[in-house]
Amino acid sequence: MMAFIGSVMLALCGIPLAYTTWKTQDASQINTVFLVMWSVGEVLLAASYYHEIPLMINYIANILALLVIWHVKLKA
C-alpha cells in the first residue's frame, strides 16, 4: 500500500509543470539537460520495473507529462 501511495504522489509531481507549460505554451525556462535526464530516467526505470504496477503508475504519468513539456519546448 505504501508503494502505491508513493507512486501516486510521485506521479502527481510532473502534472503541475506539464499543465503550466501547456497553458502558457512556454517551456523556455525549463532546462533541456534536465528534461533529457528526466526522460531517460523515466524510460529506463519503466523498462526495468514494467511488472510492478504501482511503480508503472508513476512512470507512465511522468512520461505523459514529459511528452507534453517536450511538445511545447520543441515547438518553440
C-alpha atoms as a PDB file:
ATOM      1  CA  MET A   1       0.000   0.000   0.000  1.00  0.00           C
ATOM      2  CA  MET A   2       2.845   2.408   0.764  1.00  0.00           C
ATOM      3  CA  ALA A   3       4.374   1.776  -2.678  1.00  0.00           C
ATOM      4  CA  PHE A   4       1.059   2.589  -4.328  1.00  0.00           C
ATOM      5  CA  ILE A   5       0.607   5.836  -2.387  1.00  0.00           C
ATOM      6  CA  GLY A   6       4.229   6.816  -3.013  1.00  0.00           C
ATOM      7  CA  SER A   7       3.902   6.136  -6.730  1.00  0.00           C
ATOM      8  CA  VAL A   8       0.733   8.178  -6.992  1.00  0.00           C
ATOM      9  CA  MET A   9       2.340  11.084  -5.145  1.00  0.00           C
ATOM     10  CA  LEU A  10       5.413  10.988  -7.408  1.00  0.00           C
ATOM     11  CA  ALA A  11       3.208  10.674 -10.480  1.00  0.00           C
ATOM     12  CA  LEU A  12       1.423  13.866  -9.485  1.00  0.00           C
ATOM     13  CA  CYS A  13       4.696  15.833  -9.291  1.00  0.00           C
ATOM     14  CA  GLY A  14       5.081  16.294 -13.052  1.00  0.00           C
ATOM     15  CA  ILE A  15       1.473  17.255 -13.724  1.00  0.00           C
ATOM     16  CA  PRO A  16       1.632  20.897 -12.495  1.00  0.00           C
ATOM     17  CA  LEU A  17       4.696  21.591 -14.642  1.00  0.00           C
ATOM     18  CA  ALA A  18       3.101  19.956 -17.679  1.00  0.00           C
ATOM     19  CA  TYR A  19      -0.146  21.882 -17.116  1.00  0.00           C
ATOM     20  CA  THR A  20       1.585  25.245 -16.747  1.00  0.00           C
ATOM     21  CA  THR A  21       3.770  24.557 -19.773  1.00  0.00           C
ATOM     22  CA  TRP A  22       0.744  23.610 -21.874  1.00  0.00           C
ATOM     23  CA  LYS A  23      -1.342  26.545 -20.658  1.00  0.00           C
ATOM     24  CA  THR A  24       1.352  29.170 -21.284  1.00  0.00           C
ATOM     25  CA  GLN A  25       2.846  27.381 -24.302  1.00  0.00           C
ATOM     26  CA  ASP A  26       6.248  28.345 -22.926  1.00  0.00           C
ATOM     27  CA  ALA A  27       8.970  25.890 -21.950  1.00  0.00           C
ATOM     28  CA  SER A  28      11.895  28.241 -22.439  1.00  0.00           C
ATOM     29  CA  GLN A  29      12.690  28.309 -18.714  1.00  0.00           C
ATOM     30  CA  ILE A  30      12.903  24.518 -18.475  1.00  0.00           C
ATOM     31  CA  ASN A  31      16.476  23.332 -18.845  1.00  0.00           C
ATOM     32  CA  THR A  32      16.962  20.921 -21.756  1.00  0.00           C
ATOM     33  CA  VAL A  33      19.585  18.873 -19.877  1.00  0.00           C
ATOM     34  CA  PHE A  34      17.088  18.422 -17.039  1.00  0.00           C
ATOM     35  CA  LEU A  35      14.428  17.229 -19.488  1.00  0.00           C
ATOM     36  CA  VAL A  36      16.826  14.790 -21.162  1.00  0.00           C
ATOM     37  CA  MET A  37      17.929  13.312 -17.817  1.00  0.00           C
ATOM     38  CA  TRP A  38      14.345  13.101 -16.541  1.00  0.00           C
ATOM     39  CA  SER A  39      13.179  11.465 -19.797  1.00  0.00           C
ATOM     40  CA  VAL A  40      15.969   8.887 -19.926  1.00  0.00           C
ATOM     41  CA  GLY A  41      15.499   8.066 -16.244  1.00  0.00           C
ATOM     42  CA  GLU A  42      11.752   7.538 -16.583  1.00  0.00           C
ATOM     43  CA  VAL A  43      12.022   5.383 -19.708  1.00  0.00           C
ATOM     44  CA  LEU A  44      14.801   3.196 -18.282  1.00  0.00           C
ATOM     45  CA  LEU A  45      13.009   2.732 -14.962  1.00  0.00           C
ATOM     46  CA  ALA A  46       9.731   1.930 -16.720  1.00  0.00           C
ATOM     47  CA  ALA A  47      11.534  -0.682 -18.818  1.00  0.00           C
ATOM     48  CA  SER A  48      13.169  -2.159 -15.716  1.00  0.00           C
ATOM     49  CA  TYR A  49      10.074  -2.281 -13.496  1.00  0.00           C
ATOM     50  CA  TYR A  50       7.320  -2.957 -16.049  1.00  0.00           C
ATOM     51  CA  HIS A  51       5.975  -5.763 -13.834  1.00  0.00           C
ATOM     52  CA  GLU A  52       5.483  -3.503 -10.781  1.00  0.00           C
ATOM     53  CA  ILE A  53       2.056  -1.907 -11.237  1.00  0.00           C
ATOM     54  CA  PRO A  54       2.393   0.778  -8.513  1.00  0.00           C
ATOM     55  CA  LEU A  55       5.694   1.957  -9.966  1.00  0.00           C
ATOM     56  CA  MET A  56       4.319   1.946 -13.504  1.00  0.00           C
ATOM     57  CA  ILE A  57       1.638   4.445 -12.451  1.00  0.00           C
ATOM     58  CA  ASN A  58       4.433   6.861 -11.588  1.00  0.00           C
ATOM     59  CA  TYR A  59       6.470   6.194 -14.714  1.00  0.00           C
ATOM     60  CA  ILE A  60       3.542   6.416 -17.136  1.00  0.00           C
ATOM     61  CA  ALA A  61       2.226   9.637 -15.588  1.00  0.00           C
ATOM     62  CA  ASN A  62       5.663  11.237 -15.703  1.00  0.00           C
ATOM     63  CA  ILE A  63       6.292  10.090 -19.269  1.00  0.00           C
ATOM     64  CA  LEU A  64       2.978  11.650 -20.304  1.00  0.00           C
ATOM     65  CA  ALA A  65       3.915  14.880 -18.515  1.00  0.00           C
ATOM     66  CA  LEU A  66       7.282  14.831 -20.261  1.00  0.00           C
ATOM     67  CA  LEU A  67       5.655  14.358 -23.652  1.00  0.00           C
ATOM     68  CA  VAL A  68       3.566  17.489 -23.094  1.00  0.00           C
ATOM     69  CA  ILE A  69       6.590  19.509 -21.988  1.00  0.00           C
ATOM     70  CA  TRP A  70       8.780  18.258 -24.869  1.00  0.00           C
ATOM     71  CA  HIS A  71       5.982  19.034 -27.337  1.00  0.00           C
ATOM     72  CA  VAL A  72       5.824  22.652 -26.206  1.00  0.00           C
ATOM     73  CA  LYS A  73       9.618  23.002 -25.924  1.00  0.00           C
ATOM     74  CA  LEU A  74      10.304  21.639 -29.396  1.00  0.00           C
ATOM     75  CA  LYS A  75       7.507  23.684 -30.941  1.00  0.00           C
ATOM     76  CA  ALA A  76       9.141  26.957 -29.921  1.00  0.00           C
END
